[in-house]
């Protein structure tokens, strides 16, 4: 039996996918390719921004709800 598909699972799968894609792009990066370096910098900044937003949302909404249900931090 597989676990139910939830928004949290979808988000975490997307983050893992994006990290894998970024790692692959970095592996293929050629020294001196300024345009590609800028694109990778934008991709990393976007990923970091979305991860920060996601975790801030968990801290604000999910963990307080779980604490009320008796889940230890």
Protein backbone atom coordinates (compact mmCIF):
# COMPACT_ATOMS: atom_id res chain seq x y z
CA UNK A 1 0.00 0.00 0.00
CA UNK A 2 1.39 3.42 -0.92
CA UNK A 3 1.06 6.51 1.22
CA UNK A 4 -1.66 8.96 0.21
CA UNK A 5 -0.69 11.79 -2.07
CA UNK A 6 -0.74 15.01 -0.09
CA UNK A 7 0.24 18.58 -0.83
CA UNK A 8 3.23 18.16 1.47
CA UNK A 9 4.41 15.09 -0.46
CA UNK A 10 3.95 16.93 -3.76
CA UNK A 11 5.95 19.92 -2.54
CA UNK A 12 8.76 17.78 -1.17
CA UNK A 13 8.91 15.75 -4.38
CA UNK A 14 9.14 18.97 -6.39
CA UNK A 15 11.95 20.26 -4.18
CA UNK A 16 13.90 17.01 -4.59
CA UNK A 17 13.34 17.21 -8.36
CA UNK A 18 14.55 20.82 -8.47
CA UNK A 19 17.63 20.01 -6.36
CA UNK A 20 18.47 17.13 -8.70
CA UNK A 21 18.06 19.37 -11.74
CA UNK A 22 20.24 22.09 -10.22
CA UNK A 23 22.93 19.56 -9.32
CA UNK A 24 22.88 18.15 -12.87
CA UNK A 25 23.10 21.66 -14.33
CA UNK A 26 26.05 22.48 -12.08
CA UNK A 27 27.80 19.25 -13.13
CA UNK A 28 27.47 20.34 -16.77
CA UNK A 29 28.53 23.94 -16.19
CA UNK A 30 31.50 25.10 -18.22
CA UNK A 31 33.96 27.64 -16.84
CA UNK A 32 33.49 31.06 -18.37
CA UNK A 33 29.84 30.61 -19.40
CA UNK A 34 28.60 33.85 -17.84
CA UNK A 35 25.06 33.56 -19.18
CA UNK A 36 24.66 30.05 -17.80
CA UNK A 37 26.18 31.13 -14.48
CA UNK A 38 23.58 33.89 -14.21
CA UNK A 39 20.78 31.48 -15.06
CA UNK A 40 21.99 29.02 -12.43
CA UNK A 41 22.24 31.83 -9.90
CA UNK A 42 18.61 32.79 -10.62
CA UNK A 43 17.53 29.15 -10.34
CA UNK A 44 19.28 28.78 -6.98
CA UNK A 45 17.80 32.07 -5.70
CA UNK A 46 14.31 30.92 -6.71
CA UNK A 47 14.76 27.51 -5.07
CA UNK A 48 16.09 29.12 -1.89
CA UNK A 49 13.22 31.63 -1.82
CA UNK A 50 10.61 28.88 -2.25
CA UNK A 51 12.24 26.65 0.39
CA UNK A 52 12.33 29.56 2.83
CA UNK A 53 8.68 30.36 2.12
CA UNK A 54 7.70 26.71 2.53
CA UNK A 55 9.49 26.29 5.85
CA UNK A 56 8.24 29.61 7.19
CA UNK A 57 4.73 28.44 6.34
CA UNK A 58 5.32 25.17 8.19
CA UNK A 59 6.62 27.09 11.21
CA UNK A 60 3.64 29.46 11.16
CA UNK A 61 0.78 27.06 10.40
CA UNK A 62 1.71 23.39 10.56
CA UNK A 63 3.90 23.06 13.66
CA UNK A 64 1.56 25.04 15.97
CA UNK A 65 -1.33 22.84 14.81
CA UNK A 66 0.71 19.70 15.41
CA UNK A 67 1.77 20.97 18.84
CA UNK A 68 -1.92 21.40 19.79
CA UNK A 69 -2.43 17.77 18.73
CA UNK A 70 0.36 16.70 21.11
CA UNK A 71 3.17 16.21 18.57
CA UNK A 72 6.54 17.05 20.12
CA UNK A 73 8.80 19.45 18.16
